[in-house]
Amino acid sequence: MSTVAAPPPGLRRVPVVRSGPRSRFARRFVFPVMKGGSMVPCNNGKEEPANGGLNNNERVPHLRISSDQPDMVPRLEIQSDPSNLRFDRRQLSDEECDSRQRRFFGRFVAREAILDEEYWTAAWLRAESHWEDQPDVRYVDSFKRKFAEQEFNALKKRCTGQHAEKCICIVGVKNDEKNSKRTVLSSIVGTLDVRIRHLLQGETFPGECGKASFTCCIYEANQPKYGYVSNLCVAKYTRRHGIASNMLLLAIDIAKSYGADKVYVHVNKNNMGAQKLYDKIGFKMVDIAAPVPPTVNYLLSLAT
């Protein structure tokens, strides 16, 4: 299962399960949004946009890595360019959390990201995921920092921008009696994005070859909506605790709440773990992307 600068202090250095498309092709899957989902409304059910508050024009601080503890994510120190990010910020309590939709399971909760530090940690998990299978790459830590910095800015822009396409970042968070003592950076253990989009004229699923003409590739509000899941990743030390599946179920609930009829996701043909996860949730394959050896992307679908 499966993108901004180096992580803050206290984060664990752990690989993540990758389930989203990388530069290689993956399967397309679709999932029908579940009826009677398990969303937990907050703030009396009032809808609120993602609350980040970071100026996207501000630079993320340059960070210096200190890896004294091999089992921990690199400890960082701000060298210059201060920003609004507080690496010592404590995790929000249930009372302080104003996320509209949440899903509790075991010692964790899946919910929308709220704080800038949560977006930052999600971006770092994606950087770890991107290079999980390439530990021997030269200058890999520098690549991770750059990757994370770019993903953080892009993620904030996607989730706070005023566009026809809605994007929500979901995070898996530790939620137990020690929660009040943890920093945000050591609490986030998983992440994914879910986007609400409209099909193009003539399409029955996104990217259907030959169905959408060039002149019809524009936004039209009367076209059916669908959800698209990407960037799914889970910290390695918390895998097999239901984090990925519960984040997916919350994403499906959110897509349904925005009127989506189906939810789609791409998966790589060689990622058997991700394929089993989507199959368990109920996704079905609807299309195979143009084969580009040695991998192929499949589009999976789940109906609402």
C-alpha atoms as a PDB file:
ATOM      1  CA  MET A   1       0.000   0.000   0.000  1.00  0.00           C
ATOM      2  CA  SER A   2       1.468   3.579  -0.506  1.00  0.00           C
ATOM      3  CA  THR A   3       4.497  12.412  -0.934  1.00  0.00           C
ATOM      4  CA  VAL A   4       7.701  17.553   2.616  1.00  0.00           C
ATOM      5  CA  ALA A   5      10.914  18.025   4.251  1.00  0.00           C
ATOM      6  CA  ALA A   6      12.478  15.883   6.948  1.00  0.00           C
ATOM      7  CA  PRO A   7      10.257  14.795   9.851  1.00  0.00           C
ATOM      8  CA  PRO A   8      10.080  16.492  13.209  1.00  0.00           C
ATOM      9  CA  PRO A   9      11.571  15.288  16.488  1.00  0.00           C
ATOM     10  CA  GLY A  10      10.377  12.060  17.959  1.00  0.00           C
ATOM     11  CA  LEU A  11       9.006  10.563  14.757  1.00  0.00           C
ATOM     12  CA  ARG A  12       9.795   6.907  14.274  1.00  0.00           C
ATOM     13  CA  ARG A  13      11.906   5.892  11.323  1.00  0.00           C
ATOM     14  CA  VAL A  14       9.739   3.155   9.967  1.00  0.00           C
ATOM     15  CA  PRO A  15       8.914   2.082   6.422  1.00  0.00           C
ATOM     16  CA  VAL A  16       5.325   2.214   5.311  1.00  0.00           C
ATOM     17  CA  VAL A  17       3.021  -0.027   3.357  1.00  0.00           C
ATOM     18  CA  ARG A  18       2.474   1.380  -0.092  1.00  0.00           C
ATOM     19  CA  SER A  19      -0.839   1.055  -1.873  1.00  0.00           C
ATOM     20  CA  GLY A  20      -1.104   4.030  -4.156  1.00  0.00           C
ATOM     21  CA  PRO A  21       0.180   4.466  -7.675  1.00  0.00           C
ATOM     22  CA  ARG A  22       3.770   5.496  -8.148  1.00  0.00           C
ATOM     23  CA  SER A  23       5.371   6.210 -11.476  1.00  0.00           C
ATOM     24  CA  ARG A  24       4.512   2.656 -12.448  1.00  0.00           C
ATOM     25  CA  PHE A  25       1.106   1.531 -13.615  1.00  0.00           C
ATOM     26  CA  ALA A  26      -1.360  -0.050 -11.195  1.00  0.00           C
ATOM     27  CA  ARG A  27      -4.747  -1.698 -11.111  1.00  0.00           C
ATOM     28  CA  ARG A  28      -7.905   0.351 -11.123  1.00  0.00           C
ATOM     29  CA  PHE A  29     -10.409  -0.718  -8.521  1.00  0.00           C
ATOM     30  CA  VAL A  30     -13.841   0.653  -7.727  1.00  0.00           C
ATOM     31  CA  PHE A  31     -15.870   0.349  -4.537  1.00  0.00           C
ATOM     32  CA  PRO A  32     -19.569   1.079  -3.962  1.00  0.00           C
ATOM     33  CA  VAL A  33     -19.860   3.562  -1.101  1.00  0.00           C
ATOM     34  CA  MET A  34     -21.272   1.744   1.917  1.00  0.00           C
ATOM     35  CA  LYS A  35     -24.737   2.450   3.198  1.00  0.00           C
ATOM     36  CA  GLY A  36     -25.061   3.226   6.872  1.00  0.00           C
ATOM     37  CA  GLY A  37     -21.368   3.947   7.298  1.00  0.00           C
ATOM     38  CA  SER A  38     -19.686   4.553  10.605  1.00  0.00           C
ATOM     39  CA  MET A  39     -18.918   8.269  10.408  1.00  0.00           C
ATOM     40  CA  VAL A  40     -18.970  10.097  13.722  1.00  0.00           C
ATOM     41  CA  PRO A  41     -20.206  13.676  13.175  1.00  0.00           C
ATOM     42  CA  CYS A  42     -18.638  16.447  15.245  1.00  0.00           C
ATOM     43  CA  ASN A  43     -19.713  20.043  15.828  1.00  0.00           C
ATOM     44  CA  ASN A  44     -23.384  19.098  15.576  1.00  0.00           C
ATOM     45  CA  GLY A  45     -22.866  17.779  12.080  1.00  0.00           C
ATOM     46  CA  LYS A  46     -21.831  21.123  10.612  1.00  0.00           C
ATOM     47  CA  GLU A  47     -19.537  20.826   7.647  1.00  0.00           C
ATOM     48  CA  GLU A  48     -16.163  22.463   8.062  1.00  0.00           C
ATOM     49  CA  PRO A  49     -13.279  22.633   5.597  1.00  0.00           C
ATOM     50  CA  ALA A  50      -9.872  21.172   6.389  1.00  0.00           C
ATOM     51  CA  ASN A  51      -8.264  23.448   8.935  1.00  0.00           C
ATOM     52  CA  GLY A  52      -4.605  23.932   8.114  1.00  0.00           C
ATOM     53  CA  GLY A  53      -3.956  27.655   8.182  1.00  0.00           C
ATOM     54  CA  LEU A  54      -0.472  27.428   6.709  1.00  0.00           C
ATOM     55  CA  ASN A  55       0.415  29.997   4.111  1.00  0.00           C
ATOM     56  CA  ASN A  56       1.509  27.954   1.123  1.00  0.00           C
ATOM     57  CA  ASN A  57       3.931  30.686   0.155  1.00  0.00           C
ATOM     58  CA  GLU A  58       5.885  30.220   3.372  1.00  0.00           C
ATOM     59  CA  ARG A  59       8.933  28.029   3.194  1.00  0.00           C
ATOM     60  CA  VAL A  60       9.077  24.893   5.257  1.00  0.00           C
ATOM     61  CA  PRO A  61      12.047  25.160   7.650  1.00  0.00           C
ATOM     62  CA  HIS A  62      15.321  23.531   6.690  1.00  0.00           C
ATOM     63  CA  LEU A  63      15.896  20.626   9.049  1.00  0.00           C
ATOM     64  CA  ARG A  64      18.997  18.779  10.144  1.00  0.00           C
ATOM     65  CA  ILE A  65      18.828  15.019  10.651  1.00  0.00           C
ATOM     66  CA  SER A  66      20.226  13.317  13.716  1.00  0.00           C
ATOM     67  CA  SER A  67      19.902   9.532  13.608  1.00  0.00           C
ATOM     68  CA  ASP A  68      21.324   8.424  16.961  1.00  0.00           C
ATOM     69  CA  GLN A  69      18.519   5.894  17.395  1.00  0.00           C
ATOM     70  CA  PRO A  70      18.180   3.581  14.392  1.00  0.00           C
ATOM     71  CA  ASP A  71      14.613   2.604  15.267  1.00  0.00           C
ATOM     72  CA  MET A  72      13.386   6.181  15.311  1.00  0.00           C
ATOM     73  CA  VAL A  73      12.561   8.602  12.535  1.00  0.00           C
ATOM     74  CA  PRO A  74      15.460  11.079  12.266  1.00  0.00           C
ATOM     75  CA  ARG A  75      15.423  13.749  14.964  1.00  0.00           C
ATOM     76  CA  LEU A  76      15.430  17.213  13.459  1.00  0.00           C
ATOM     77  CA  GLU A  77      16.476  20.677  14.420  1.00  0.00           C
ATOM     78  CA  ILE A  78      15.296  23.829  12.692  1.00  0.00           C
ATOM     79  CA  GLN A  79      18.285  25.609  11.169  1.00  0.00           C
ATOM     80  CA  SER A  80      16.620  28.607   9.549  1.00  0.00           C
ATOM     81  CA  ASP A  81      13.418  30.071   8.106  1.00  0.00           C
ATOM     82  CA  PRO A  82      10.987  29.580  11.034  1.00  0.00           C
ATOM     83  CA  SER A  83       7.443  28.579  10.094  1.00  0.00           C
ATOM     84  CA  ASN A  84       4.136  27.854  11.766  1.00  0.00           C
ATOM     85  CA  LEU A  85       5.039  24.185  12.268  1.00  0.00           C
ATOM     86  CA  ARG A  86       5.538  23.211  15.915  1.00  0.00           C
ATOM     87  CA  PHE A  87       7.310  19.895  16.159  1.00  0.00           C
ATOM     88  CA  ASP A  88       6.568  19.669  19.891  1.00  0.00           C
ATOM     89  CA  ARG A  89       2.807  20.170  19.478  1.00  0.00           C
ATOM     90  CA  ARG A  90       0.768  17.669  21.512  1.00  0.00           C
ATOM     91  CA  GLN A  91      -1.809  15.434  19.901  1.00  0.00           C
ATOM     92  CA  LEU A  92      -5.372  16.745  20.068  1.00  0.00           C
ATOM     93  CA  SER A  93      -7.746  15.177  22.584  1.00  0.00           C
ATOM     94  CA  ASP A  94     -11.168  13.919  21.478  1.00  0.00           C
ATOM     95  CA  GLU A  95     -12.707  17.093  22.927  1.00  0.00           C
ATOM     96  CA  GLU A  96     -10.334  19.346  20.972  1.00  0.00           C
ATOM     97  CA  CYS A  97     -10.733  17.465  17.713  1.00  0.00           C
ATOM     98  CA  ASP A  98     -13.103  19.265  15.340  1.00  0.00           C
ATOM     99  CA  SER A  99     -12.844  16.736  12.532  1.00  0.00           C
ATOM    100  CA  ARG A 100     -16.296  16.161  11.053  1.00  0.00           C
ATOM    101  CA  GLN A 101     -15.935  12.456  10.498  1.00  0.00           C
ATOM    102  CA  ARG A 102     -14.093   9.853  12.522  1.00  0.00           C
ATOM    103  CA  ARG A 103     -13.865   6.086  12.808  1.00  0.00           C
ATOM    104  CA  PHE A 104     -12.682   4.532  16.095  1.00  0.00           C
ATOM    105  CA  PHE A 105     -11.094   1.060  16.145  1.00  0.00           C
ATOM    106  CA  GLY A 106      -8.933  -0.527  18.825  1.00  0.00           C
ATOM    107  CA  ARG A 107      -6.238   1.884  20.021  1.00  0.00           C
ATOM    108  CA  PHE A 108      -6.588   4.069  16.931  1.00  0.00           C
ATOM    109  CA  VAL A 109      -8.903   6.523  15.228  1.00  0.00           C
ATOM    110  CA  ALA A 110      -9.154   7.402  11.542  1.00  0.00           C
ATOM    111  CA  ARG A 111     -10.190  10.993  10.825  1.00  0.00           C
ATOM    112  CA  GLU A 112      -9.587  13.999   8.618  1.00  0.00           C
ATOM    113  CA  ALA A 113      -6.274  15.773   9.134  1.00  0.00           C
ATOM    114  CA  ILE A 114      -6.673  19.070  11.014  1.00  0.00           C
ATOM    115  CA  LEU A 115      -3.300  20.481  12.052  1.00  0.00           C
ATOM    116  CA  ASP A 116      -0.428  21.496   9.792  1.00  0.00           C
ATOM    117  CA  GLU A 117       1.750  19.101  11.769  1.00  0.00           C
ATOM    118  CA  GLU A 118      -0.613  16.255  10.784  1.00  0.00           C
ATOM    119  CA  TYR A 119      -0.286  17.159   7.110  1.00  0.00           C
ATOM    120  CA  TRP A 120       3.475  17.316   7.588  1.00  0.00           C
ATOM    121  CA  THR A 121       3.647  13.856   9.176  1.00  0.00           C
ATOM    122  CA  ALA A 122       1.421  12.415   6.437  1.00  0.00           C
ATOM    123  CA  ALA A 123       3.827  13.833   3.861  1.00  0.00           C
ATOM    124  CA  TRP A 124       6.817  12.292   5.639  1.00  0.00           C
ATOM    125  CA  LEU A 125       5.132   8.862   5.786  1.00  0.00           C
ATOM    126  CA  ARG A 126       4.657   9.097   2.028  1.00  0.00           C
ATOM    127  CA  ALA A 127       8.317   9.973   1.570  1.00  0.00           C
ATOM    128  CA  GLU A 128       9.306   6.938   3.656  1.00  0.00           C
ATOM    129  CA  SER A 129       6.959   4.795   1.584  1.00  0.00           C
ATOM    130  CA  HIS A 130       8.362   6.052  -1.697  1.00  0.00           C
ATOM    131  CA  TRP A 131      11.872   4.924  -0.775  1.00  0.00           C
ATOM    132  CA  GLU A 132      10.992   1.907   1.373  1.00  0.00           C
ATOM    133  CA  ASP A 133      12.290  -0.541  -1.230  1.00  0.00           C
ATOM    134  CA  GLN A 134      15.371   1.555  -2.052  1.00  0.00           C
ATOM    135  CA  PRO A 135      17.341   1.782   1.231  1.00  0.00           C
ATOM    136  CA  ASP A 136      20.722   1.713  -0.502  1.00  0.00           C
ATOM    137  CA  VAL A 137      20.085   4.702  -2.760  1.00  0.00           C
ATOM    138  CA  ARG A 138      22.808   7.303  -2.322  1.00  0.00           C
ATOM    139  CA  TYR A 139      21.643  10.501  -0.581  1.00  0.00           C
ATOM    140  CA  VAL A 140      18.276   8.871   0.167  1.00  0.00           C
ATOM    141  CA  ASP A 141      17.699  11.084   3.242  1.00  0.00           C
ATOM    142  CA  SER A 142      18.071  14.210   1.122  1.00  0.00           C
ATOM    143  CA  PHE A 143      15.638  12.804  -1.425  1.00  0.00           C
ATOM    144  CA  LYS A 144      13.134  12.034   1.331  1.00  0.00           C
ATOM    145  CA  ARG A 145      13.352  15.571   2.710  1.00  0.00           C
ATOM    146  CA  LYS A 146      12.791  17.103  -0.716  1.00  0.00           C
ATOM    147  CA  PHE A 147       9.982  14.692  -1.511  1.00  0.00           C
ATOM    148  CA  ALA A 148       8.265  15.384   1.815  1.00  0.00           C
ATOM    149  CA  GLU A 149       8.594  19.153   1.456  1.00  0.00           C
ATOM    150  CA  GLN A 150       7.013  19.133  -1.978  1.00  0.00           C
ATOM    151  CA  GLU A 151       4.237  16.766  -0.918  1.00  0.00           C
ATOM    152  CA  PHE A 152       3.426  18.844   2.151  1.00  0.00           C
ATOM    153  CA  ASN A 153       2.929  22.002   0.087  1.00  0.00           C
ATOM    154  CA  ALA A 154       0.977  20.120  -2.587  1.00  0.00           C
ATOM    155  CA  LEU A 155      -1.195  18.367   0.017  1.00  0.00           C
ATOM    156  CA  LYS A 156      -2.074  21.619   1.747  1.00  0.00           C
ATOM    157  CA  LYS A 157      -2.914  23.198  -1.593  1.00  0.00           C
ATOM    158  CA  ARG A 158      -5.143  20.285  -2.602  1.00  0.00           C
ATOM    159  CA  CYS A 159      -7.030  20.156   0.689  1.00  0.00           C
ATOM    160  CA  THR A 160      -7.523  23.886   1.295  1.00  0.00           C
ATOM    161  CA  GLY A 161      -7.953  25.117  -2.276  1.00  0.00           C
ATOM    162  CA  GLN A 162     -11.297  26.330  -3.545  1.00  0.00           C
ATOM    163  CA  HIS A 163     -11.747  24.053  -6.552  1.00  0.00           C
ATOM    164  CA  ALA A 164     -14.519  21.959  -8.049  1.00  0.00           C
ATOM    165  CA  GLU A 165     -12.573  18.867  -6.959  1.00  0.00           C
ATOM    166  CA  LYS A 166     -12.733  18.219  -3.212  1.00  0.00           C
ATOM    167  CA  CYS A 167      -9.713  16.578  -1.553  1.00  0.00           C
ATOM    168  CA  ILE A 168      -9.599  15.238   2.024  1.00  0.00           C
ATOM    169  CA  CYS A 169      -6.489  13.922   3.754  1.00  0.00           C
ATOM    170  CA  ILE A 170      -7.273  11.092   6.194  1.00  0.00           C
ATOM    171  CA  VAL A 171      -4.849  10.112   8.940  1.00  0.00           C
ATOM    172  CA  GLY A 172      -4.692   7.130  11.278  1.00  0.00           C
ATOM    173  CA  VAL A 173      -3.907   8.342  14.814  1.00  0.00           C
ATOM    174  CA  LYS A 174      -2.957   6.560  18.039  1.00  0.00           C
ATOM    175  CA  ASN A 175      -5.786   7.032  20.524  1.00  0.00           C
ATOM    176  CA  ASP A 176      -5.222   5.680  24.052  1.00  0.00           C
ATOM    177  CA  GLU A 177      -4.468   6.787  27.605  1.00  0.00           C
ATOM    178  CA  LYS A 178      -0.995   8.015  26.567  1.00  0.00           C
ATOM    179  CA  ASN A 179      -2.382  10.181  23.797  1.00  0.00           C
ATOM    180  CA  SER A 180      -2.208  13.460  25.738  1.00  0.00           C
ATOM    181  CA  LYS A 181       1.548  12.968  26.232  1.00  0.00           C
ATOM    182  CA  ARG A 182       2.371  12.246  22.591  1.00  0.00           C
ATOM    183  CA  THR A 183       3.371  14.769  19.981  1.00  0.00           C
ATOM    184  CA  VAL A 184       1.416  14.912  16.743  1.00  0.00           C
ATOM    185  CA  LEU A 185       4.481  13.645  14.938  1.00  0.00           C
ATOM    186  CA  SER A 186       4.668  10.441  16.959  1.00  0.00           C
ATOM    187  CA  SER A 187       0.895   9.829  16.818  1.00  0.00           C
ATOM    188  CA  ILE A 188       0.221   9.633  13.076  1.00  0.00           C
ATOM    189  CA  VAL A 189       0.605   6.049  11.833  1.00  0.00           C
ATOM    190  CA  GLY A 190      -1.183   6.079   8.470  1.00  0.00           C
ATOM    191  CA  THR A 191      -2.576   8.334   5.776  1.00  0.00           C
ATOM    192  CA  LEU A 192      -4.462   8.449   2.485  1.00  0.00           C
ATOM    193  CA  ASP A 193      -6.174  11.000   0.241  1.00  0.00           C
ATOM    194  CA  VAL A 194      -9.714  10.767  -1.086  1.00  0.00           C
ATOM    195  CA  ARG A 195     -10.828  13.112  -3.864  1.00  0.00           C
ATOM    196  CA  ILE A 196     -14.371  13.780  -5.048  1.00  0.00           C
ATOM    197  CA  ARG A 197     -14.512  14.199  -8.809  1.00  0.00           C
ATOM    198  CA  HIS A 198     -16.989  14.258 -11.696  1.00  0.00           C
ATOM    199  CA  LEU A 199     -16.920  11.844 -14.630  1.00  0.00           C
ATOM    200  CA  LEU A 200     -16.371  13.411 -18.045  1.00  0.00           C
ATOM    201  CA  GLN A 201     -19.138  13.282 -20.598  1.00  0.00           C
ATOM    202  CA  GLY A 202     -19.493   9.800 -22.035  1.00  0.00           C
ATOM    203  CA  GLU A 203     -17.396   8.076 -19.350  1.00  0.00           C
ATOM    204  CA  THR A 204     -18.724   5.212 -17.236  1.00  0.00           C
ATOM    205  CA  PHE A 205     -15.516   5.102 -15.168  1.00  0.00           C
ATOM    206  CA  PRO A 206     -12.620   7.570 -14.906  1.00  0.00           C
ATOM    207  CA  GLY A 207     -10.150   7.480 -17.784  1.00  0.00           C
ATOM    208  CA  GLU A 208     -12.286   5.202 -19.933  1.00  0.00           C
ATOM    209  CA  CYS A 209     -10.522   5.070 -23.286  1.00  0.00           C
ATOM    210  CA  GLY A 210     -12.370   6.561 -26.243  1.00  0.00           C
ATOM    211  CA  LYS A 211     -15.416   7.628 -24.237  1.00  0.00           C
ATOM    212  CA  ALA A 212     -14.552  11.242 -23.400  1.00  0.00           C
ATOM    213  CA  SER A 213     -13.755  13.416 -26.394  1.00  0.00           C
ATOM    214  CA  PHE A 214     -11.184  16.210 -26.220  1.00  0.00           C
ATOM    215  CA  THR A 215     -13.918  18.853 -26.362  1.00  0.00           C
ATOM    216  CA  CYS A 216     -15.732  17.258 -23.400  1.00  0.00           C
ATOM    217  CA  CYS A 217     -12.766  17.242 -21.005  1.00  0.00           C
ATOM    218  CA  ILE A 218     -14.189  20.044 -18.886  1.00  0.00           C
ATOM    219  CA  TYR A 219     -15.887  20.204 -15.511  1.00  0.00           C
ATOM    220  CA  GLU A 220     -19.664  19.807 -15.562  1.00  0.00           C
ATOM    221  CA  ALA A 221     -21.570  19.753 -12.282  1.00  0.00           C
ATOM    222  CA  ASN A 222     -24.344  17.546 -13.663  1.00  0.00           C
ATOM    223  CA  GLN A 223     -22.017  14.591 -14.318  1.00  0.00           C
ATOM    224  CA  PRO A 224     -21.952  11.703 -11.773  1.00  0.00           C
ATOM    225  CA  LYS A 225     -19.545  12.049  -8.865  1.00  0.00           C
ATOM    226  CA  TYR A 226     -16.997   9.454  -7.805  1.00  0.00           C
ATOM    227  CA  GLY A 227     -14.343   9.128  -5.117  1.00  0.00           C
ATOM    228  CA  TYR A 228     -10.699   8.407  -5.888  1.00  0.00           C
ATOM    229  CA  VAL A 229      -8.314   7.027  -3.235  1.00  0.00           C
ATOM    230  CA  SER A 230      -4.553   7.558  -3.437  1.00  0.00           C
ATOM    231  CA  ASN A 231      -1.374   7.764  -1.321  1.00  0.00           C
ATOM    232  CA  LEU A 232      -2.426   5.023   1.093  1.00  0.00           C
ATOM    233  CA  CYS A 233       0.428   4.115   3.425  1.00  0.00           C
ATOM    234  CA  VAL A 234       0.844   2.782   6.965  1.00  0.00           C
ATOM    235  CA  ALA A 235       3.892   2.874   9.247  1.00  0.00           C
ATOM    236  CA  LYS A 236       5.539  -0.552   9.228  1.00  0.00           C
ATOM    237  CA  TYR A 237       5.507  -1.016  13.010  1.00  0.00           C
ATOM    238  CA  THR A 238       1.708  -0.561  13.132  1.00  0.00           C
ATOM    239  CA  ARG A 239       0.731  -2.791  10.242  1.00  0.00           C
ATOM    240  CA  ARG A 240      -1.846  -5.562  10.705  1.00  0.00           C
ATOM    241  CA  HIS A 241      -3.870  -3.489  13.171  1.00  0.00           C
ATOM    242  CA  GLY A 242      -6.680  -2.626  10.739  1.00  0.00           C
ATOM    243  CA  ILE A 243      -5.391   0.913  10.096  1.00  0.00           C
ATOM    244  CA  ALA A 244      -5.444   0.723   6.288  1.00  0.00           C
ATOM    245  CA  SER A 245      -8.868  -0.925   6.111  1.00  0.00           C
ATOM    246  CA  ASN A 246     -10.458   1.540   8.551  1.00  0.00           C
ATOM    247  CA  MET A 247      -9.000   4.545   6.738  1.00  0.00           C
ATOM    248  CA  LEU A 248     -10.426   3.110   3.516  1.00  0.00           C
ATOM    249  CA  LEU A 249     -13.851   2.594   5.081  1.00  0.00           C
ATOM    250  CA  LEU A 250     -13.837   6.184   6.328  1.00  0.00           C
ATOM    251  CA  ALA A 251     -12.821   7.395   2.859  1.00  0.00           C
ATOM    252  CA  ILE A 252     -15.773   5.478   1.415  1.00  0.00           C
ATOM    253  CA  ASP A 253     -18.129   7.051   3.974  1.00  0.00           C
ATOM    254  CA  ILE A 254     -16.800  10.515   3.136  1.00  0.00           C
ATOM    255  CA  ALA A 255     -17.180   9.932  -0.602  1.00  0.00           C
ATOM    256  CA  LYS A 256     -20.769   8.836  -0.009  1.00  0.00           C
ATOM    257  CA  SER A 257     -21.482  11.962   2.054  1.00  0.00           C
ATOM    258  CA  TYR A 258     -20.416  14.083  -0.935  1.00  0.00           C
ATOM    259  CA  GLY A 259     -22.750  12.205  -3.273  1.00  0.00           C
ATOM    260  CA  ALA A 260     -20.259   9.859  -4.941  1.00  0.00           C
ATOM    261  CA  ASP A 261     -21.733   6.719  -6.483  1.00  0.00           C
ATOM    262  CA  LYS A 262     -18.485   4.768  -6.619  1.00  0.00           C
ATOM    263  CA  VAL A 263     -14.959   4.854  -5.264  1.00  0.00           C
ATOM    264  CA  TYR A 264     -11.939   3.991  -7.412  1.00  0.00           C
ATOM    265  CA  VAL A 265      -8.305   3.198  -6.717  1.00  0.00           C
ATOM    266  CA  HIS A 266      -5.289   2.072  -8.770  1.00  0.00           C
ATOM    267  CA  VAL A 267      -3.127  -0.790  -7.568  1.00  0.00           C
ATOM    268  CA  ASN A 268       0.065  -2.267  -8.978  1.00  0.00           C
ATOM    269  CA  LYS A 269      -0.261  -5.817 -10.284  1.00  0.00           C
ATOM    270  CA  ASN A 270       2.753  -6.872  -8.190  1.00  0.00           C
ATOM    271  CA  ASN A 271       1.382  -5.446  -4.919  1.00  0.00           C
ATOM    272  CA  MET A 272      -0.397  -8.550  -3.672  1.00  0.00           C
ATOM    273  CA  GLY A 273      -0.895  -7.195  -0.149  1.00  0.00           C
ATOM    274  CA  ALA A 274      -2.814  -4.186  -1.450  1.00  0.00           C
ATOM    275  CA  GLN A 275      -4.855  -6.353  -3.800  1.00  0.00           C
ATOM    276  CA  LYS A 276      -5.931  -8.585  -0.907  1.00  0.00           C
ATOM    277  CA  LEU A 277      -6.905  -5.546   1.160  1.00  0.00           C
ATOM    278  CA  TYR A 278      -9.090  -4.070  -1.593  1.00  0.00           C
ATOM    279  CA  ASP A 279     -10.630  -7.451  -2.338  1.00  0.00           C
ATOM    280  CA  LYS A 280     -11.565  -7.850   1.348  1.00  0.00           C
ATOM    281  CA  ILE A 281     -13.274  -4.453   1.374  1.00  0.00           C
ATOM    282  CA  GLY A 282     -15.219  -5.277  -1.798  1.00  0.00           C
ATOM    283  CA  PHE A 283     -13.394  -3.561  -4.670  1.00  0.00           C
ATOM    284  CA  LYS A 284     -13.697  -5.128  -8.119  1.00  0.00           C
ATOM    285  CA  MET A 285     -11.416  -4.703 -11.116  1.00  0.00           C
ATOM    286  CA  VAL A 286     -12.958  -2.668 -13.923  1.00  0.00           C
ATOM    287  CA  ASP A 287     -10.033  -1.790 -16.184  1.00  0.00           C
ATOM    288  CA  ILE A 288      -6.381  -2.522 -16.947  1.00  0.00           C
ATOM    289  CA  ALA A 289      -4.158   0.419 -17.840  1.00  0.00           C
ATOM    290  CA  ALA A 290      -2.002   0.302 -20.958  1.00  0.00           C
ATOM    291  CA  PRO A 291       0.661  -2.304 -20.205  1.00  0.00           C
ATOM    292  CA  VAL A 292       4.117  -0.858 -19.752  1.00  0.00           C
ATOM    293  CA  PRO A 293       6.486  -3.657 -18.716  1.00  0.00           C
ATOM    294  CA  PRO A 294       7.280  -4.795 -16.157  1.00  0.00           C
ATOM    295  CA  THR A 295       4.198  -3.501 -14.308  1.00  0.00           C
ATOM    296  CA  VAL A 296       0.550  -2.817 -15.056  1.00  0.00           C
ATOM    297  CA  ASN A 297      -1.988  -0.687 -13.178  1.00  0.00           C
ATOM    298  CA  TYR A 298      -5.439  -2.032 -12.488  1.00  0.00           C
ATOM    299  CA  LEU A 299      -8.424   0.221 -11.755  1.00  0.00           C
ATOM    300  CA  LEU A 300     -10.658  -1.183  -9.015  1.00  0.00           C
ATOM    301  CA  SER A 301     -14.165   0.028  -8.217  1.00  0.00           C
ATOM    302  CA  LEU A 302     -16.541  -0.166  -5.257  1.00  0.00           C
ATOM    303  CA  ALA A 303     -20.231   0.820  -5.699  1.00  0.00           C
ATOM    304  CA  THR A 304     -22.027   2.944  -3.094  1.00  0.00           C
END
